[in-house]
């Protein structure tokens, strides 16, 4: 993988996290959580797609389909696990 492809798709993974933050809201801590979850899910998804030899929506050297899917899975699970319950 080339450096420009890595940087571009890393930014795309971070964009998913920031858009999720805009949708779900929260403070700076949530923004950091969502961007880290999205970025890690994006690259885990890319690696899983490469390992399993899946070519679902491949763009250049990146398995964008599996990367996007796992990025959203990581975001949903992270949001669900980080919910605060308020006890009255």
PDB file of N, CA and C in Angstrom:
ATOM      1  N   UNK A   1       0.847  -1.165   0.000  1.00  0.00           N
ATOM      2  CA  UNK A   1       0.000   0.000   0.000  1.00  0.00           C
ATOM      3  C   UNK A   1       0.900   1.239   0.000  1.00  0.00           C
ATOM      4  N   UNK A   2       0.513   2.204  -0.778  1.00  0.00           N
ATOM      5  CA  UNK A   2       1.300   3.428  -0.870  1.00  0.00           C
ATOM      6  C   UNK A   2       0.949   4.367   0.276  1.00  0.00           C
ATOM      7  N   UNK A   3       1.854   5.272   0.578  1.00  0.00           N
ATOM      8  CA  UNK A   3       1.633   6.238   1.655  1.00  0.00           C
ATOM      9  C   UNK A   3       0.437   7.154   1.365  1.00  0.00           C
ATOM     10  N   UNK A   4       0.284   7.685   0.141  1.00  0.00           N
ATOM     11  CA  UNK A   4      -0.893   8.515  -0.124  1.00  0.00           C
ATOM     12  C   UNK A   4      -2.211   7.752   0.067  1.00  0.00           C
ATOM     13  N   UNK A   5      -2.251   6.481  -0.327  1.00  0.00           N
ATOM     14  CA  UNK A   5      -3.478   5.694  -0.129  1.00  0.00           C
ATOM     15  C   UNK A   5      -3.741   5.505   1.355  1.00  0.00           C
ATOM     16  N   UNK A   6      -2.703   5.215   2.131  1.00  0.00           N
ATOM     17  CA  UNK A   6      -2.866   5.040   3.569  1.00  0.00           C
ATOM     18  C   UNK A   6      -3.386   6.321   4.221  1.00  0.00           C
ATOM     19  N   UNK A   7      -2.816   7.464   3.863  1.00  0.00           N
ATOM     20  CA  UNK A   7      -3.246   8.731   4.453  1.00  0.00           C
ATOM     21  C   UNK A   7      -4.676   9.086   4.046  1.00  0.00           C
ATOM     22  N   UNK A   8      -4.995   8.918   2.766  1.00  0.00           N
ATOM     23  CA  UNK A   8      -6.338   9.258   2.290  1.00  0.00           C
ATOM     24  C   UNK A   8      -7.398   8.403   2.971  1.00  0.00           C
ATOM     25  N   UNK A   9      -7.161   7.100   3.042  1.00  0.00           N
ATOM     26  CA  UNK A   9      -8.172   6.232   3.617  1.00  0.00           C
ATOM     27  C   UNK A   9      -8.192   6.314   5.138  1.00  0.00           C
ATOM     28  N   UNK A  10      -7.088   6.715   5.761  1.00  0.00           N
ATOM     29  CA  UNK A  10      -7.114   6.992   7.192  1.00  0.00           C
ATOM     30  C   UNK A  10      -8.013   8.192   7.474  1.00  0.00           C
ATOM     31  N   UNK A  11      -7.920   9.206   6.620  1.00  0.00           N
ATOM     32  CA  UNK A  11      -8.799  10.364   6.768  1.00  0.00           C
ATOM     33  C   UNK A  11     -10.258   9.982   6.550  1.00  0.00           C
ATOM     34  N   UNK A  12     -10.502   9.068   5.637  1.00  0.00           N
ATOM     35  CA  UNK A  12     -11.871   8.614   5.416  1.00  0.00           C
ATOM     36  C   UNK A  12     -12.408   7.892   6.647  1.00  0.00           C
ATOM     37  N   UNK A  13     -11.583   7.064   7.275  1.00  0.00           N
ATOM     38  CA  UNK A  13     -11.990   6.397   8.503  1.00  0.00           C
ATOM     39  C   UNK A  13     -12.266   7.396   9.612  1.00  0.00           C
ATOM     40  N   UNK A  14     -11.450   8.424   9.726  1.00  0.00           N
ATOM     41  CA  UNK A  14     -11.678   9.454  10.733  1.00  0.00           C
ATOM     42  C   UNK A  14     -12.932  10.279  10.418  1.00  0.00           C
ATOM     43  N   UNK A  15     -13.213  10.465   9.144  1.00  0.00           N
ATOM     44  CA  UNK A  15     -14.425  11.177   8.750  1.00  0.00           C
ATOM     45  C   UNK A  15     -15.668  10.427   9.210  1.00  0.00           C
ATOM     46  N   UNK A  16     -15.655   9.100   9.107  1.00  0.00           N
ATOM     47  CA  UNK A  16     -16.783   8.314   9.591  1.00  0.00           C
ATOM     48  C   UNK A  16     -17.013   8.566  11.074  1.00  0.00           C
ATOM     49  N   UNK A  17     -15.938   8.622  11.840  1.00  0.00           N
ATOM     50  CA  UNK A  17     -16.060   8.866  13.279  1.00  0.00           C
ATOM     51  C   UNK A  17     -16.601  10.242  13.597  1.00  0.00           C
ATOM     52  N   UNK A  18     -16.140  11.257  12.879  1.00  0.00           N
ATOM     53  CA  UNK A  18     -16.626  12.608  13.156  1.00  0.00           C
ATOM     54  C   UNK A  18     -18.083  12.777  12.717  1.00  0.00           C
ATOM     55  N   UNK A  19     -18.466  12.152  11.614  1.00  0.00           N
ATOM     56  CA  UNK A  19     -19.871  12.217  11.200  1.00  0.00           C
ATOM     57  C   UNK A  19     -20.769  11.490  12.191  1.00  0.00           C
ATOM     58  N   UNK A  20     -20.290  10.378  12.744  1.00  0.00           N
ATOM     59  CA  UNK A  20     -21.057   9.673  13.770  1.00  0.00           C
ATOM     60  C   UNK A  20     -21.198  10.546  15.003  1.00  0.00           C
ATOM     61  N   UNK A  21     -20.146  11.275  15.348  1.00  0.00           N
ATOM     62  CA  UNK A  21     -20.210  12.190  16.494  1.00  0.00           C
ATOM     63  C   UNK A  21     -21.207  13.311  16.249  1.00  0.00           C
ATOM     64  N   UNK A  22     -21.240  13.829  15.043  1.00  0.00           N
ATOM     65  CA  UNK A  22     -22.225  14.868  14.731  1.00  0.00           C
ATOM     66  C   UNK A  22     -23.647  14.326  14.841  1.00  0.00           C
ATOM     67  N   UNK A  23     -23.829  13.077  14.487  1.00  0.00           N
ATOM     68  CA  UNK A  23     -25.156  12.465  14.536  1.00  0.00           C
ATOM     69  C   UNK A  23     -25.567  12.147  15.972  1.00  0.00           C
ATOM     70  N   UNK A  24     -24.673  11.544  16.767  1.00  0.00           N
ATOM     71  CA  UNK A  24     -25.011  11.099  18.113  1.00  0.00           C
ATOM     72  C   UNK A  24     -24.721  12.130  19.190  1.00  0.00           C
ATOM     73  N   UNK A  25     -23.833  13.065  18.928  1.00  0.00           N
ATOM     74  CA  UNK A  25     -23.528  14.114  19.889  1.00  0.00           C
ATOM     75  C   UNK A  25     -22.564  13.667  20.971  1.00  0.00           C
ATOM     76  N   UNK A  26     -22.288  14.581  21.890  1.00  0.00           N
ATOM     77  CA  UNK A  26     -21.379  14.307  22.989  1.00  0.00           C
ATOM     78  C   UNK A  26     -20.278  15.341  23.045  1.00  0.00           C
ATOM     79  N   UNK A  27     -19.431  15.206  24.027  1.00  0.00           N
ATOM     80  CA  UNK A  27     -18.340  16.151  24.221  1.00  0.00           C
ATOM     81  C   UNK A  27     -17.087  15.744  23.475  1.00  0.00           C
ATOM     82  N   UNK A  28     -15.982  16.339  23.900  1.00  0.00           N
ATOM     83  CA  UNK A  28     -14.698  16.080  23.255  1.00  0.00           C
ATOM     84  C   UNK A  28     -14.240  14.641  23.481  1.00  0.00           C
ATOM     85  N   UNK A  29     -14.562  14.094  24.639  1.00  0.00           N
ATOM     86  CA  UNK A  29     -14.198  12.705  24.917  1.00  0.00           C
ATOM     87  C   UNK A  29     -14.893  11.740  23.973  1.00  0.00           C
ATOM     88  N   UNK A  30     -16.157  12.015  23.705  1.00  0.00           N
ATOM     89  CA  UNK A  30     -16.895  11.173  22.752  1.00  0.00           C
ATOM     90  C   UNK A  30     -16.333  11.304  21.344  1.00  0.00           C
ATOM     91  N   UNK A  31     -15.941  12.512  20.968  1.00  0.00           N
ATOM     92  CA  UNK A  31     -15.337  12.710  19.649  1.00  0.00           C
ATOM     93  C   UNK A  31     -14.069  11.883  19.517  1.00  0.00           C
ATOM     94  N   UNK A  32     -13.234  11.906  20.538  1.00  0.00           N
ATOM     95  CA  UNK A  32     -12.005  11.110  20.519  1.00  0.00           C
ATOM     96  C   UNK A  32     -12.332   9.619  20.463  1.00  0.00           C
ATOM     97  N   UNK A  33     -13.306   9.189  21.258  1.00  0.00           N
ATOM     98  CA  UNK A  33     -13.711   7.780  21.264  1.00  0.00           C
ATOM     99  C   UNK A  33     -14.206   7.351  19.888  1.00  0.00           C
ATOM    100  N   UNK A  34     -15.086   8.133  19.296  1.00  0.00           N
ATOM    101  CA  UNK A  34     -15.662   7.763  18.009  1.00  0.00           C
ATOM    102  C   UNK A  34     -14.618   7.762  16.895  1.00  0.00           C
ATOM    103  N   UNK A  35     -13.712   8.726  16.899  1.00  0.00           N
ATOM    104  CA  UNK A  35     -12.707   8.744  15.840  1.00  0.00           C
ATOM    105  C   UNK A  35     -11.739   7.574  15.984  1.00  0.00           C
ATOM    106  N   UNK A  36     -11.360   7.239  17.210  1.00  0.00           N
ATOM    107  CA  UNK A  36     -10.464   6.095  17.408  1.00  0.00           C
ATOM    108  C   UNK A  36     -11.147   4.779  17.061  1.00  0.00           C
ATOM    109  N   UNK A  37     -12.403   4.639  17.448  1.00  0.00           N
ATOM    110  CA  UNK A  37     -13.143   3.427  17.110  1.00  0.00           C
ATOM    111  C   UNK A  37     -13.310   3.285  15.602  1.00  0.00           C
ATOM    112  N   UNK A  38     -13.653   4.373  14.957  1.00  0.00           N
ATOM    113  CA  UNK A  38     -13.865   4.329  13.519  1.00  0.00           C
ATOM    114  C   UNK A  38     -12.568   4.016  12.781  1.00  0.00           C
ATOM    115  N   UNK A  39     -11.492   4.656  13.190  1.00  0.00           N
ATOM    116  CA  UNK A  39     -10.208   4.438  12.531  1.00  0.00           C
ATOM    117  C   UNK A  39      -9.742   3.005  12.728  1.00  0.00           C
ATOM    118  N   UNK A  40      -9.846   2.503  13.942  1.00  0.00           N
ATOM    119  CA  UNK A  40      -9.396   1.126  14.186  1.00  0.00           C
ATOM    120  C   UNK A  40     -10.302   0.127  13.473  1.00  0.00           C
ATOM    121  N   UNK A  41     -11.607   0.352  13.482  1.00  0.00           N
ATOM    122  CA  UNK A  41     -12.516  -0.527  12.757  1.00  0.00           C
ATOM    123  C   UNK A  41     -12.274  -0.509  11.271  1.00  0.00           C
ATOM    124  N   UNK A  42     -11.932   0.653  10.745  1.00  0.00           N
ATOM    125  CA  UNK A  42     -11.655   0.778   9.319  1.00  0.00           C
ATOM    126  C   UNK A  42     -10.474  -0.084   8.925  1.00  0.00           C
ATOM    127  N   UNK A  43      -9.382  -0.011   9.675  1.00  0.00           N
ATOM    128  CA  UNK A  43      -8.193  -0.760   9.296  1.00  0.00           C
ATOM    129  C   UNK A  43      -8.302  -2.232   9.644  1.00  0.00           C
ATOM    130  N   UNK A  44      -9.043  -2.571  10.693  1.00  0.00           N
ATOM    131  CA  UNK A  44      -9.296  -3.989  10.971  1.00  0.00           C
ATOM    132  C   UNK A  44     -10.150  -4.583   9.847  1.00  0.00           C
ATOM    133  N   UNK A  45     -11.122  -3.817   9.379  1.00  0.00           N
ATOM    134  CA  UNK A  45     -11.953  -4.267   8.266  1.00  0.00           C
ATOM    135  C   UNK A  45     -11.164  -4.445   6.991  1.00  0.00           C
ATOM    136  N   UNK A  46     -10.259  -3.523   6.732  1.00  0.00           N
ATOM    137  CA  UNK A  46      -9.408  -3.662   5.543  1.00  0.00           C
ATOM    138  C   UNK A  46      -8.553  -4.916   5.643  1.00  0.00           C
ATOM    139  N   UNK A  47      -7.939  -5.124   6.806  1.00  0.00           N
ATOM    140  CA  UNK A  47      -7.076  -6.293   6.980  1.00  0.00           C
ATOM    141  C   UNK A  47      -7.883  -7.591   6.917  1.00  0.00           C
ATOM    142  N   UNK A  48      -9.091  -7.588   7.484  1.00  0.00           N
ATOM    143  CA  UNK A  48      -9.939  -8.780   7.420  1.00  0.00           C
ATOM    144  C   UNK A  48     -10.319  -9.087   5.983  1.00  0.00           C
ATOM    145  N   UNK A  49     -10.648  -8.046   5.218  1.00  0.00           N
ATOM    146  CA  UNK A  49     -10.967  -8.250   3.811  1.00  0.00           C
ATOM    147  C   UNK A  49      -9.791  -8.779   3.017  1.00  0.00           C
ATOM    148  N   UNK A  50      -8.604  -8.284   3.322  1.00  0.00           N
ATOM    149  CA  UNK A  50      -7.408  -8.766   2.633  1.00  0.00           C
ATOM    150  C   UNK A  50      -7.092 -10.201   3.037  1.00  0.00           C
ATOM    151  N   UNK A  51      -7.241 -10.511   4.315  1.00  0.00           N
ATOM    152  CA  UNK A  51      -6.940 -11.856   4.804  1.00  0.00           C
ATOM    153  C   UNK A  51      -7.916 -12.886   4.246  1.00  0.00           C
ATOM    154  N   UNK A  52      -9.193 -12.527   4.197  1.00  0.00           N
ATOM    155  CA  UNK A  52     -10.223 -13.437   3.698  1.00  0.00           C
ATOM    156  C   UNK A  52     -10.368 -13.392   2.179  1.00  0.00           C
ATOM    157  N   UNK A  53      -9.594 -12.509   1.538  1.00  0.00           N
ATOM    158  CA  UNK A  53      -9.606 -12.348   0.089  1.00  0.00           C
ATOM    159  C   UNK A  53     -10.985 -11.925  -0.428  1.00  0.00           C
ATOM    160  N   UNK A  54     -11.648 -11.046   0.320  1.00  0.00           N
ATOM    161  CA  UNK A  54     -12.921 -10.475  -0.113  1.00  0.00           C
ATOM    162  C   UNK A  54     -12.630  -9.209  -0.903  1.00  0.00           C
ATOM    163  N   UNK A  55     -13.295  -9.049  -2.006  1.00  0.00           N
ATOM    164  CA  UNK A  55     -13.083  -7.864  -2.840  1.00  0.00           C
ATOM    165  C   UNK A  55     -14.353  -7.038  -2.936  1.00  0.00           C
ATOM    166  N   UNK A  56     -15.078  -6.963  -1.857  1.00  0.00           N
ATOM    167  CA  UNK A  56     -16.305  -6.173  -1.804  1.00  0.00           C
ATOM    168  C   UNK A  56     -15.946  -4.692  -1.817  1.00  0.00           C
ATOM    169  N   UNK A  57     -16.264  -3.995  -2.880  1.00  0.00           N
ATOM    170  CA  UNK A  57     -16.052  -2.565  -3.074  1.00  0.00           C
ATOM    171  C   UNK A  57     -14.592  -2.182  -2.835  1.00  0.00           C
ATOM    172  N   UNK A  58     -13.722  -2.780  -3.628  1.00  0.00           N
ATOM    173  CA  UNK A  58     -12.284  -2.521  -3.515  1.00  0.00           C
ATOM    174  C   UNK A  58     -11.949  -1.270  -4.309  1.00  0.00           C
ATOM    175  N   UNK A  59     -11.251  -0.336  -3.677  1.00  0.00           N
ATOM    176  CA  UNK A  59     -10.816   0.903  -4.320  1.00  0.00           C
ATOM    177  C   UNK A  59      -9.298   0.967  -4.206  1.00  0.00           C
ATOM    178  N   UNK A  60      -8.628   0.765  -5.325  1.00  0.00           N
ATOM    179  CA  UNK A  60      -7.168   0.738  -5.298  1.00  0.00           C
ATOM    180  C   UNK A  60      -6.680  -0.387  -4.405  1.00  0.00           C
ATOM    181  N   UNK A  61      -5.785  -0.081  -3.477  1.00  0.00           N
ATOM    182  CA  UNK A  61      -5.249  -1.130  -2.610  1.00  0.00           C
ATOM    183  C   UNK A  61      -6.084  -1.387  -1.356  1.00  0.00           C
ATOM    184  N   UNK A  62      -7.208  -0.699  -1.205  1.00  0.00           N
ATOM    185  CA  UNK A  62      -7.983  -0.771   0.042  1.00  0.00           C
ATOM    186  C   UNK A  62      -9.309  -1.483  -0.196  1.00  0.00           C
ATOM    187  N   UNK A  63      -9.647  -2.395   0.710  1.00  0.00           N
ATOM    188  CA  UNK A  63     -10.950  -3.068   0.696  1.00  0.00           C
ATOM    189  C   UNK A  63     -11.955  -2.148   1.382  1.00  0.00           C
ATOM    190  N   UNK A  64     -12.485  -1.209   0.638  1.00  0.00           N
ATOM    191  CA  UNK A  64     -13.313  -0.156   1.210  1.00  0.00           C
ATOM    192  C   UNK A  64     -14.636  -0.681   1.751  1.00  0.00           C
ATOM    193  N   UNK A  65     -15.203  -1.699   1.145  1.00  0.00           N
ATOM    194  CA  UNK A  65     -16.478  -2.239   1.602  1.00  0.00           C
ATOM    195  C   UNK A  65     -16.381  -2.847   2.993  1.00  0.00           C
ATOM    196  N   UNK A  66     -15.441  -3.748   3.191  1.00  0.00           N
ATOM    197  CA  UNK A  66     -15.304  -4.368   4.508  1.00  0.00           C
ATOM    198  C   UNK A  66     -14.771  -3.366   5.524  1.00  0.00           C
ATOM    199  N   UNK A  67     -13.938  -2.438   5.096  1.00  0.00           N
ATOM    200  CA  UNK A  67     -13.423  -1.417   6.006  1.00  0.00           C
ATOM    201  C   UNK A  67     -14.548  -0.520   6.499  1.00  0.00           C
ATOM    202  N   UNK A  68     -15.414  -0.093   5.602  1.00  0.00           N
ATOM    203  CA  UNK A  68     -16.537   0.752   5.991  1.00  0.00           C
ATOM    204  C   UNK A  68     -17.511  -0.010   6.882  1.00  0.00           C
ATOM    205  N   UNK A  69     -17.792  -1.244   6.531  1.00  0.00           N
ATOM    206  CA  UNK A  69     -18.711  -2.054   7.324  1.00  0.00           C
ATOM    207  C   UNK A  69     -18.206  -2.234   8.749  1.00  0.00           C
ATOM    208  N   UNK A  70     -16.951  -2.626   8.913  1.00  0.00           N
ATOM    209  CA  UNK A  70     -16.431  -2.837  10.261  1.00  0.00           C
ATOM    210  C   UNK A  70     -16.224  -1.531  11.008  1.00  0.00           C
ATOM    211  N   UNK A  71     -15.999  -0.452  10.306  1.00  0.00           N
ATOM    212  CA  UNK A  71     -15.917   0.842  10.968  1.00  0.00           C
ATOM    213  C   UNK A  71     -17.246   1.180  11.622  1.00  0.00           C
ATOM    214  N   UNK A  72     -18.344   0.963  10.910  1.00  0.00           N
ATOM    215  CA  UNK A  72     -19.665   1.235  11.482  1.00  0.00           C
ATOM    216  C   UNK A  72     -20.030   0.246  12.579  1.00  0.00           C
ATOM    217  N   UNK A  73     -19.582  -0.990  12.459  1.00  0.00           N
ATOM    218  CA  UNK A  73     -19.817  -1.975  13.518  1.00  0.00           C
ATOM    219  C   UNK A  73     -19.079  -1.561  14.789  1.00  0.00           C
ATOM    220  N   UNK A  74     -17.817  -1.150  14.655  1.00  0.00           N
ATOM    221  CA  UNK A  74     -17.051  -0.695  15.814  1.00  0.00           C
ATOM    222  C   UNK A  74     -17.712   0.532  16.439  1.00  0.00           C
ATOM    223  N   UNK A  75     -18.189   1.454  15.610  1.00  0.00           N
ATOM    224  CA  UNK A  75     -18.847   2.647  16.133  1.00  0.00           C
ATOM    225  C   UNK A  75     -20.124   2.301  16.886  1.00  0.00           C
ATOM    226  N   UNK A  76     -20.932   1.425  16.323  1.00  0.00           N
ATOM    227  CA  UNK A  76     -22.191   1.048  16.979  1.00  0.00           C
ATOM    228  C   UNK A  76     -21.927   0.319  18.294  1.00  0.00           C
ATOM    229  N   UNK A  77     -20.995  -0.625  18.287  1.00  0.00           N
ATOM    230  CA  UNK A  77     -20.674  -1.347  19.519  1.00  0.00           C
ATOM    231  C   UNK A  77     -20.061  -0.430  20.564  1.00  0.00           C
ATOM    232  N   UNK A  78     -19.174   0.442  20.147  1.00  0.00           N
ATOM    233  CA  UNK A  78     -18.564   1.383  21.077  1.00  0.00           C
ATOM    234  C   UNK A  78     -19.568   2.337  21.676  1.00  0.00           C
ATOM    235  N   UNK A  79     -20.493   2.806  20.861  1.00  0.00           N
ATOM    236  CA  UNK A  79     -21.542   3.696  21.373  1.00  0.00           C
ATOM    237  C   UNK A  79     -22.438   2.958  22.355  1.00  0.00           C
ATOM    238  N   UNK A  80     -22.798   1.743  22.019  1.00  0.00           N
ATOM    239  CA  UNK A  80     -23.666   0.955  22.886  1.00  0.00           C
ATOM    240  C   UNK A  80     -22.972   0.640  24.216  1.00  0.00           C
ATOM    241  N   UNK A  81     -21.707   0.262  24.164  1.00  0.00           N
ATOM    242  CA  UNK A  81     -20.983  -0.073  25.381  1.00  0.00           C
ATOM    243  C   UNK A  81     -20.648   1.133  26.244  1.00  0.00           C
ATOM    244  N   UNK A  82     -20.588   2.310  25.649  1.00  0.00           N
ATOM    245  CA  UNK A  82     -20.226   3.503  26.417  1.00  0.00           C
ATOM    246  C   UNK A  82     -21.429   4.287  26.908  1.00  0.00           C
ATOM    247  N   UNK A  83     -22.633   3.789  26.707  1.00  0.00           N
ATOM    248  CA  UNK A  83     -23.817   4.495  27.193  1.00  0.00           C
ATOM    249  C   UNK A  83     -23.762   4.596  28.711  1.00  0.00           C
ATOM    250  N   UNK A  84     -24.143   5.735  29.198  1.00  0.00           N
ATOM    251  CA  UNK A  84     -24.203   5.930  30.638  1.00  0.00           C
ATOM    252  C   UNK A  84     -25.642   5.744  31.083  1.00  0.00           C
ATOM    253  N   UNK A  85     -25.819   4.945  32.134  1.00  0.00           N
ATOM    254  CA  UNK A  85     -27.165   4.815  32.664  1.00  0.00           C
ATOM    255  C   UNK A  85     -27.279   5.717  33.881  1.00  0.00           C
ATOM    256  N   UNK A  86     -28.365   6.458  33.933  1.00  0.00           N
ATOM    257  CA  UNK A  86     -28.585   7.394  35.027  1.00  0.00           C
ATOM    258  C   UNK A  86     -29.489   6.728  36.049  1.00  0.00           C
ATOM    259  N   UNK A  87     -28.990   6.610  37.241  1.00  0.00           N
ATOM    260  CA  UNK A  87     -29.774   6.027  38.335  1.00  0.00           C
ATOM    261  C   UNK A  87     -30.401   7.152  39.132  1.00  0.00           C
ATOM    262  N   UNK A  88     -31.693   7.098  39.358  1.00  0.00           N
ATOM    263  CA  UNK A  88     -32.361   8.155  40.120  1.00  0.00           C
ATOM    264  C   UNK A  88     -32.547   7.753  41.561  1.00  0.00           C
TER     265      UNK A  88
END
